[in-house]
Amino acid sequence: MMKLLSCRYNMDTNRVEARFEDGTVLSLDCIAIEDEYGNTPAQRAELDWLLYNKLLEYAQMVLDGEIEHFLSLGCDHGGLED
């Protein structure tokens, strides 16, 4: 796969537009990703946290098929803070 250069979240379509070094643009449907991998409220919160805070990493993990493994680690970025 070509190198991922940048990402932009389009709030109107709820998609991430990923741009690669060869000029290709790929659109990731965040609703479909959440439906597929966000099986619990904590996983959905983690996906949202990644989407708003680590967009490039979010896209790269989805494209590489690593998002399910990441969510299985039980990270707590999306949780509410005291």
PDB file of N, CA and C in Angstrom:
ATOM      1  N   MET A   1       0.838  -1.178   0.000  1.00  0.00           N
ATOM      2  CA  MET A   1       0.000   0.000   0.000  1.00  0.00           C
ATOM      3  C   MET A   1       0.882   1.240   0.000  1.00  0.00           C
ATOM      4  N   MET A   2       0.413   2.271  -0.644  1.00  0.00           N
ATOM      5  CA  MET A   2       1.136   3.534  -0.702  1.00  0.00           C
ATOM      6  C   MET A   2       1.152   4.196   0.672  1.00  0.00           C
ATOM      7  N   LYS A   3       2.096   5.112   0.843  1.00  0.00           N
ATOM      8  CA  LYS A   3       2.232   5.808   2.108  1.00  0.00           C
ATOM      9  C   LYS A   3       1.074   6.794   2.308  1.00  0.00           C
ATOM     10  N   LEU A   4       0.476   6.749   3.481  1.00  0.00           N
ATOM     11  CA  LEU A   4      -0.602   7.652   3.868  1.00  0.00           C
ATOM     12  C   LEU A   4       0.019   8.984   4.279  1.00  0.00           C
ATOM     13  N   LEU A   5      -0.358  10.054   3.576  1.00  0.00           N
ATOM     14  CA  LEU A   5       0.231  11.365   3.842  1.00  0.00           C
ATOM     15  C   LEU A   5      -0.593  12.220   4.798  1.00  0.00           C
ATOM     16  N   SER A   6      -1.913  12.241   4.585  1.00  0.00           N
ATOM     17  CA  SER A   6      -2.742  13.111   5.410  1.00  0.00           C
ATOM     18  C   SER A   6      -4.166  12.585   5.468  1.00  0.00           C
ATOM     19  N   CYS A   7      -4.895  13.086   6.445  1.00  0.00           N
ATOM     20  CA  CYS A   7      -6.302  12.719   6.618  1.00  0.00           C
ATOM     21  C   CYS A   7      -7.084  13.968   6.979  1.00  0.00           C
ATOM     22  N   ARG A   8      -8.340  13.943   6.609  1.00  0.00           N
ATOM     23  CA  ARG A   8      -9.247  15.033   6.966  1.00  0.00           C
ATOM     24  C   ARG A   8     -10.580  14.409   7.319  1.00  0.00           C
ATOM     25  N   TYR A   9     -11.119  14.802   8.466  1.00  0.00           N
ATOM     26  CA  TYR A   9     -12.424  14.310   8.874  1.00  0.00           C
ATOM     27  C   TYR A   9     -13.488  15.254   8.337  1.00  0.00           C
ATOM     28  N   ASN A  10     -14.462  14.711   7.622  1.00  0.00           N
ATOM     29  CA  ASN A  10     -15.577  15.488   7.097  1.00  0.00           C
ATOM     30  C   ASN A  10     -16.789  15.211   7.990  1.00  0.00           C
ATOM     31  N   MET A  11     -17.113  16.165   8.823  1.00  0.00           N
ATOM     32  CA  MET A  11     -18.189  15.999   9.790  1.00  0.00           C
ATOM     33  C   MET A  11     -19.551  15.867   9.103  1.00  0.00           C
ATOM     34  N   ASP A  12     -19.705  16.496   7.953  1.00  0.00           N
ATOM     35  CA  ASP A  12     -20.993  16.445   7.248  1.00  0.00           C
ATOM     36  C   ASP A  12     -21.315  15.045   6.735  1.00  0.00           C
ATOM     37  N   THR A  13     -20.292  14.309   6.307  1.00  0.00           N
ATOM     38  CA  THR A  13     -20.506  12.961   5.768  1.00  0.00           C
ATOM     39  C   THR A  13     -20.103  11.867   6.745  1.00  0.00           C
ATOM     40  N   ASN A  14     -19.476  12.255   7.863  1.00  0.00           N
ATOM     41  CA  ASN A  14     -18.938  11.324   8.856  1.00  0.00           C
ATOM     42  C   ASN A  14     -17.977  10.331   8.199  1.00  0.00           C
ATOM     43  N   ARG A  15     -17.060  10.903   7.405  1.00  0.00           N
ATOM     44  CA  ARG A  15     -16.050  10.101   6.716  1.00  0.00           C
ATOM     45  C   ARG A  15     -14.673  10.724   6.913  1.00  0.00           C
ATOM     46  N   VAL A  16     -13.673   9.862   6.899  1.00  0.00           N
ATOM     47  CA  VAL A  16     -12.290  10.310   6.903  1.00  0.00           C
ATOM     48  C   VAL A  16     -11.787  10.197   5.475  1.00  0.00           C
ATOM     49  N   GLU A  17     -11.266  11.292   4.961  1.00  0.00           N
ATOM     50  CA  GLU A  17     -10.691  11.303   3.627  1.00  0.00           C
ATOM     51  C   GLU A  17      -9.184  11.171   3.771  1.00  0.00           C
ATOM     52  N   ALA A  18      -8.661  10.024   3.355  1.00  0.00           N
ATOM     53  CA  ALA A  18      -7.239   9.723   3.477  1.00  0.00           C
ATOM     54  C   ALA A  18      -6.557   9.950   2.140  1.00  0.00           C
ATOM     55  N   ARG A  19      -5.471  10.721   2.135  1.00  0.00           N
ATOM     56  CA  ARG A  19      -4.729  11.030   0.920  1.00  0.00           C
ATOM     57  C   ARG A  19      -3.368  10.333   0.965  1.00  0.00           C
ATOM     58  N   PHE A  20      -3.056   9.643  -0.127  1.00  0.00           N
ATOM     59  CA  PHE A  20      -1.814   8.883  -0.222  1.00  0.00           C
ATOM     60  C   PHE A  20      -0.805   9.605  -1.101  1.00  0.00           C
ATOM     61  N   GLU A  21       0.466   9.176  -1.034  1.00  0.00           N
ATOM     62  CA  GLU A  21       1.543   9.857  -1.739  1.00  0.00           C
ATOM     63  C   GLU A  21       1.380   9.844  -3.256  1.00  0.00           C
ATOM     64  N   ASP A  22       0.623   8.909  -3.796  1.00  0.00           N
ATOM     65  CA  ASP A  22       0.414   8.879  -5.249  1.00  0.00           C
ATOM     66  C   ASP A  22      -0.778   9.721  -5.686  1.00  0.00           C
ATOM     67  N   GLY A  23      -1.406  10.446  -4.733  1.00  0.00           N
ATOM     68  CA  GLY A  23      -2.535  11.303  -5.045  1.00  0.00           C
ATOM     69  C   GLY A  23      -3.889  10.645  -4.857  1.00  0.00           C
ATOM     70  N   THR A  24      -3.906   9.352  -4.588  1.00  0.00           N
ATOM     71  CA  THR A  24      -5.151   8.629  -4.347  1.00  0.00           C
ATOM     72  C   THR A  24      -5.811   9.146  -3.077  1.00  0.00           C
ATOM     73  N   VAL A  25      -7.131   9.287  -3.119  1.00  0.00           N
ATOM     74  CA  VAL A  25      -7.903   9.669  -1.939  1.00  0.00           C
ATOM     75  C   VAL A  25      -8.903   8.555  -1.661  1.00  0.00           C
ATOM     76  N   LEU A  26      -8.904   8.098  -0.430  1.00  0.00           N
ATOM     77  CA  LEU A  26      -9.804   7.026  -0.013  1.00  0.00           C
ATOM     78  C   LEU A  26     -10.710   7.572   1.086  1.00  0.00           C
ATOM     79  N   SER A  27     -11.982   7.266   1.003  1.00  0.00           N
ATOM     80  CA  SER A  27     -12.954   7.733   1.986  1.00  0.00           C
ATOM     81  C   SER A  27     -13.329   6.581   2.910  1.00  0.00           C
ATOM     82  N   LEU A  28     -13.122   6.771   4.215  1.00  0.00           N
ATOM     83  CA  LEU A  28     -13.447   5.763   5.228  1.00  0.00           C
ATOM     84  C   LEU A  28     -14.761   6.145   5.906  1.00  0.00           C
ATOM     85  N   ASP A  29     -15.720   5.261   5.859  1.00  0.00           N
ATOM     86  CA  ASP A  29     -17.040   5.498   6.456  1.00  0.00           C
ATOM     87  C   ASP A  29     -16.970   5.207   7.961  1.00  0.00           C
ATOM     88  N   CYS A  30     -16.989   6.246   8.770  1.00  0.00           N
ATOM     89  CA  CYS A  30     -16.841   6.096  10.217  1.00  0.00           C
ATOM     90  C   CYS A  30     -18.027   5.375  10.851  1.00  0.00           C
ATOM     91  N   ILE A  31     -19.218   5.529  10.286  1.00  0.00           N
ATOM     92  CA  ILE A  31     -20.379   4.814  10.820  1.00  0.00           C
ATOM     93  C   ILE A  31     -20.198   3.313  10.623  1.00  0.00           C
ATOM     94  N   ALA A  32     -19.742   2.906   9.455  1.00  0.00           N
ATOM     95  CA  ALA A  32     -19.516   1.483   9.188  1.00  0.00           C
ATOM     96  C   ALA A  32     -18.412   0.931  10.082  1.00  0.00           C
ATOM     97  N   ILE A  33     -17.368   1.712  10.301  1.00  0.00           N
ATOM     98  CA  ILE A  33     -16.270   1.272  11.167  1.00  0.00           C
ATOM     99  C   ILE A  33     -16.766   1.111  12.597  1.00  0.00           C
ATOM    100  N   GLU A  34     -17.549   2.075  13.068  1.00  0.00           N
ATOM    101  CA  GLU A  34     -18.089   1.993  14.423  1.00  0.00           C
ATOM    102  C   GLU A  34     -19.051   0.817  14.566  1.00  0.00           C
ATOM    103  N   ASP A  35     -19.864   0.584  13.551  1.00  0.00           N
ATOM    104  CA  ASP A  35     -20.797  -0.552  13.590  1.00  0.00           C
ATOM    105  C   ASP A  35     -20.049  -1.879  13.610  1.00  0.00           C
ATOM    106  N   GLU A  36     -18.928  -1.942  12.918  1.00  0.00           N
ATOM    107  CA  GLU A  36     -18.156  -3.188  12.828  1.00  0.00           C
ATOM    108  C   GLU A  36     -17.333  -3.455  14.092  1.00  0.00           C
ATOM    109  N   TYR A  37     -16.711  -2.421  14.632  1.00  0.00           N
ATOM    110  CA  TYR A  37     -15.745  -2.630  15.715  1.00  0.00           C
ATOM    111  C   TYR A  37     -16.165  -2.072  17.073  1.00  0.00           C
ATOM    112  N   GLY A  38     -17.143  -1.187  17.118  1.00  0.00           N
ATOM    113  CA  GLY A  38     -17.556  -0.587  18.380  1.00  0.00           C
ATOM    114  C   GLY A  38     -18.643  -1.398  19.050  1.00  0.00           C
ATOM    115  N   ASN A  39     -18.272  -2.542  19.604  1.00  0.00           N
ATOM    116  CA  ASN A  39     -19.251  -3.455  20.185  1.00  0.00           C
ATOM    117  C   ASN A  39     -19.701  -3.060  21.580  1.00  0.00           C
ATOM    118  N   THR A  40     -18.944  -2.212  22.236  1.00  0.00           N
ATOM    119  CA  THR A  40     -19.295  -1.762  23.580  1.00  0.00           C
ATOM    120  C   THR A  40     -19.224  -0.237  23.620  1.00  0.00           C
ATOM    121  N   PRO A  41     -19.855   0.383  24.622  1.00  0.00           N
ATOM    122  CA  PRO A  41     -19.737   1.838  24.744  1.00  0.00           C
ATOM    123  C   PRO A  41     -18.281   2.298  24.886  1.00  0.00           C
ATOM    124  N   ALA A  42     -17.464   1.518  25.584  1.00  0.00           N
ATOM    125  CA  ALA A  42     -16.054   1.879  25.751  1.00  0.00           C
ATOM    126  C   ALA A  42     -15.318   1.847  24.414  1.00  0.00           C
ATOM    127  N   GLN A  43     -15.595   0.855  23.584  1.00  0.00           N
ATOM    128  CA  GLN A  43     -14.946   0.779  22.275  1.00  0.00           C
ATOM    129  C   GLN A  43     -15.397   1.924  21.378  1.00  0.00           C
ATOM    130  N   ARG A  44     -16.670   2.275  21.446  1.00  0.00           N
ATOM    131  CA  ARG A  44     -17.168   3.411  20.646  1.00  0.00           C
ATOM    132  C   ARG A  44     -16.530   4.715  21.116  1.00  0.00           C
ATOM    133  N   ALA A  45     -16.378   4.859  22.419  1.00  0.00           N
ATOM    134  CA  ALA A  45     -15.727   6.054  22.954  1.00  0.00           C
ATOM    135  C   ALA A  45     -14.271   6.107  22.508  1.00  0.00           C
ATOM    136  N   GLU A  46     -13.602   4.971  22.485  1.00  0.00           N
ATOM    137  CA  GLU A  46     -12.207   4.922  22.044  1.00  0.00           C
ATOM    138  C   GLU A  46     -12.090   5.286  20.562  1.00  0.00           C
ATOM    139  N   LEU A  47     -13.006   4.778  19.744  1.00  0.00           N
ATOM    140  CA  LEU A  47     -13.002   5.127  18.322  1.00  0.00           C
ATOM    141  C   LEU A  47     -13.210   6.630  18.137  1.00  0.00           C
ATOM    142  N   ASP A  48     -14.124   7.207  18.906  1.00  0.00           N
ATOM    143  CA  ASP A  48     -14.354   8.653  18.826  1.00  0.00           C
ATOM    144  C   ASP A  48     -13.112   9.433  19.249  1.00  0.00           C
ATOM    145  N   TRP A  49     -12.467   8.982  20.325  1.00  0.00           N
ATOM    146  CA  TRP A  49     -11.267   9.659  20.797  1.00  0.00           C
ATOM    147  C   TRP A  49     -10.188   9.645  19.715  1.00  0.00           C
ATOM    148  N   LEU A  50      -9.983   8.485  19.100  1.00  0.00           N
ATOM    149  CA  LEU A  50      -8.997   8.393  18.018  1.00  0.00           C
ATOM    150  C   LEU A  50      -9.368   9.314  16.859  1.00  0.00           C
ATOM    151  N   LEU A  51     -10.619   9.321  16.498  1.00  0.00           N
ATOM    152  CA  LEU A  51     -11.097  10.119  15.377  1.00  0.00           C
ATOM    153  C   LEU A  51     -10.809  11.604  15.593  1.00  0.00           C
ATOM    154  N   TYR A  52     -11.004  12.091  16.802  1.00  0.00           N
ATOM    155  CA  TYR A  52     -10.836  13.519  17.075  1.00  0.00           C
ATOM    156  C   TYR A  52      -9.426  13.904  17.524  1.00  0.00           C
ATOM    157  N   ASN A  53      -8.636  12.947  17.999  1.00  0.00           N
ATOM    158  CA  ASN A  53      -7.322  13.276  18.551  1.00  0.00           C
ATOM    159  C   ASN A  53      -6.136  12.676  17.798  1.00  0.00           C
ATOM    160  N   LYS A  54      -6.327  11.562  17.135  1.00  0.00           N
ATOM    161  CA  LYS A  54      -5.242  10.872  16.434  1.00  0.00           C
ATOM    162  C   LYS A  54      -5.747  10.375  15.081  1.00  0.00           C
ATOM    163  N   LEU A  55      -6.180  11.296  14.247  1.00  0.00           N
ATOM    164  CA  LEU A  55      -6.849  10.951  12.998  1.00  0.00           C
ATOM    165  C   LEU A  55      -5.982  10.119  12.066  1.00  0.00           C
ATOM    166  N   LEU A  56      -4.724  10.482  11.898  1.00  0.00           N
ATOM    167  CA  LEU A  56      -3.840   9.732  11.014  1.00  0.00           C
ATOM    168  C   LEU A  56      -3.649   8.301  11.514  1.00  0.00           C
ATOM    169  N   GLU A  57      -3.479   8.134  12.824  1.00  0.00           N
ATOM    170  CA  GLU A  57      -3.328   6.807  13.404  1.00  0.00           C
ATOM    171  C   GLU A  57      -4.611   5.994  13.263  1.00  0.00           C
ATOM    172  N   TYR A  58      -5.749   6.645  13.448  1.00  0.00           N
ATOM    173  CA  TYR A  58      -7.051   6.004  13.275  1.00  0.00           C
ATOM    174  C   TYR A  58      -7.143   5.418  11.868  1.00  0.00           C
ATOM    175  N   ALA A  59      -6.885   6.250  10.867  1.00  0.00           N
ATOM    176  CA  ALA A  59      -6.980   5.801   9.476  1.00  0.00           C
ATOM    177  C   ALA A  59      -5.985   4.682   9.179  1.00  0.00           C
ATOM    178  N   GLN A  60      -4.760   4.824   9.669  1.00  0.00           N
ATOM    179  CA  GLN A  60      -3.740   3.808   9.399  1.00  0.00           C
ATOM    180  C   GLN A  60      -4.111   2.468  10.026  1.00  0.00           C
ATOM    181  N   MET A  61      -4.634   2.491  11.253  1.00  0.00           N
ATOM    182  CA  MET A  61      -5.038   1.234  11.893  1.00  0.00           C
ATOM    183  C   MET A  61      -6.212   0.585  11.167  1.00  0.00           C
ATOM    184  N   VAL A  62      -7.166   1.390  10.709  1.00  0.00           N
ATOM    185  CA  VAL A  62      -8.293   0.837   9.953  1.00  0.00           C
ATOM    186  C   VAL A  62      -7.790   0.213   8.659  1.00  0.00           C
ATOM    187  N   LEU A  63      -6.956   0.926   7.940  1.00  0.00           N
ATOM    188  CA  LEU A  63      -6.451   0.440   6.653  1.00  0.00           C
ATOM    189  C   LEU A  63      -5.570  -0.796   6.801  1.00  0.00           C
ATOM    190  N   ASP A  64      -4.822  -0.867   7.897  1.00  0.00           N
ATOM    191  CA  ASP A  64      -3.931  -2.009   8.135  1.00  0.00           C
ATOM    192  C   ASP A  64      -4.635  -3.186   8.804  1.00  0.00           C
ATOM    193  N   GLY A  65      -5.909  -3.005   9.165  1.00  0.00           N
ATOM    194  CA  GLY A  65      -6.650  -4.068   9.831  1.00  0.00           C
ATOM    195  C   GLY A  65      -6.249  -4.266  11.286  1.00  0.00           C
ATOM    196  N   GLU A  66      -5.723  -3.221  11.920  1.00  0.00           N
ATOM    197  CA  GLU A  66      -5.243  -3.313  13.298  1.00  0.00           C
ATOM    198  C   GLU A  66      -6.194  -2.704  14.318  1.00  0.00           C
ATOM    199  N   ILE A  67      -7.292  -2.120  13.871  1.00  0.00           N
ATOM    200  CA  ILE A  67      -8.180  -1.410  14.797  1.00  0.00           C
ATOM    201  C   ILE A  67      -8.809  -2.363  15.817  1.00  0.00           C
ATOM    202  N   GLU A  68      -9.165  -3.562  15.385  1.00  0.00           N
ATOM    203  CA  GLU A  68      -9.773  -4.530  16.305  1.00  0.00           C
ATOM    204  C   GLU A  68      -8.780  -4.918  17.406  1.00  0.00           C
ATOM    205  N   HIS A  69      -7.526  -5.133  17.034  1.00  0.00           N
ATOM    206  CA  HIS A  69      -6.503  -5.470  18.032  1.00  0.00           C
ATOM    207  C   HIS A  69      -6.304  -4.302  18.993  1.00  0.00           C
ATOM    208  N   PHE A  70      -6.245  -3.088  18.470  1.00  0.00           N
ATOM    209  CA  PHE A  70      -6.075  -1.910  19.311  1.00  0.00           C
ATOM    210  C   PHE A  70      -7.200  -1.805  20.333  1.00  0.00           C
ATOM    211  N   LEU A  71      -8.426  -1.993  19.877  1.00  0.00           N
ATOM    212  CA  LEU A  71      -9.572  -1.904  20.786  1.00  0.00           C
ATOM    213  C   LEU A  71      -9.570  -3.022  21.817  1.00  0.00           C
ATOM    214  N   SER A  72      -9.030  -4.174  21.462  1.00  0.00           N
ATOM    215  CA  SER A  72      -8.983  -5.296  22.401  1.00  0.00           C
ATOM    216  C   SER A  72      -8.010  -5.050  23.545  1.00  0.00           C
ATOM    217  N   LEU A  73      -7.126  -4.079  23.400  1.00  0.00           N
ATOM    218  CA  LEU A  73      -6.155  -3.774  24.446  1.00  0.00           C
ATOM    219  C   LEU A  73      -6.791  -3.046  25.634  1.00  0.00           C
ATOM    220  N   GLY A  74      -8.011  -2.555  25.433  1.00  0.00           N
ATOM    221  CA  GLY A  74      -8.737  -1.913  26.528  1.00  0.00           C
ATOM    222  C   GLY A  74      -8.209  -0.549  26.894  1.00  0.00           C
ATOM    223  N   CYS A  75      -7.768   0.215  25.924  1.00  0.00           N
ATOM    224  CA  CYS A  75      -7.298   1.585  26.185  1.00  0.00           C
ATOM    225  C   CYS A  75      -8.442   2.397  26.771  1.00  0.00           C
ATOM    226  N   ASP A  76      -8.095   3.467  27.473  1.00  0.00           N
ATOM    227  CA  ASP A  76      -9.121   4.257  28.148  1.00  0.00           C
ATOM    228  C   ASP A  76      -9.029   5.729  27.770  1.00  0.00           C
ATOM    229  N   HIS A  77      -8.711   6.026  26.520  1.00  0.00           N
ATOM    230  CA  HIS A  77      -8.639   7.416  26.094  1.00  0.00           C
ATOM    231  C   HIS A  77      -9.998   8.075  26.058  1.00  0.00           C
ATOM    232  N   GLY A  78     -11.026   7.300  25.727  1.00  0.00           N
ATOM    233  CA  GLY A  78     -12.348   7.869  25.528  1.00  0.00           C
ATOM    234  C   GLY A  78     -13.157   8.035  26.790  1.00  0.00           C
ATOM    235  N   GLY A  79     -12.642   7.583  27.918  1.00  0.00           N
ATOM    236  CA  GLY A  79     -13.394   7.666  29.156  1.00  0.00           C
ATOM    237  C   GLY A  79     -13.501   9.075  29.690  1.00  0.00           C
ATOM    238  N   LEU A  80     -14.473   9.305  30.533  1.00  0.00           N
ATOM    239  CA  LEU A  80     -14.638  10.612  31.148  1.00  0.00           C
ATOM    240  C   LEU A  80     -13.606  10.780  32.251  1.00  0.00           C
ATOM    241  N   GLU A  81     -13.092  11.989  32.362  1.00  0.00           N
ATOM    242  CA  GLU A  81     -12.100  12.274  33.394  1.00  0.00           C
ATOM    243  C   GLU A  81     -12.785  12.901  34.600  1.00  0.00           C
ATOM    244  N   ASP A  82     -12.189  12.690  35.766  1.00  0.00           N
ATOM    245  CA  ASP A  82     -12.735  13.264  37.002  1.00  0.00           C
ATOM    246  C   ASP A  82     -12.538  14.756  37.057  1.00  0.00           C
TER     247      ASP A  82
END
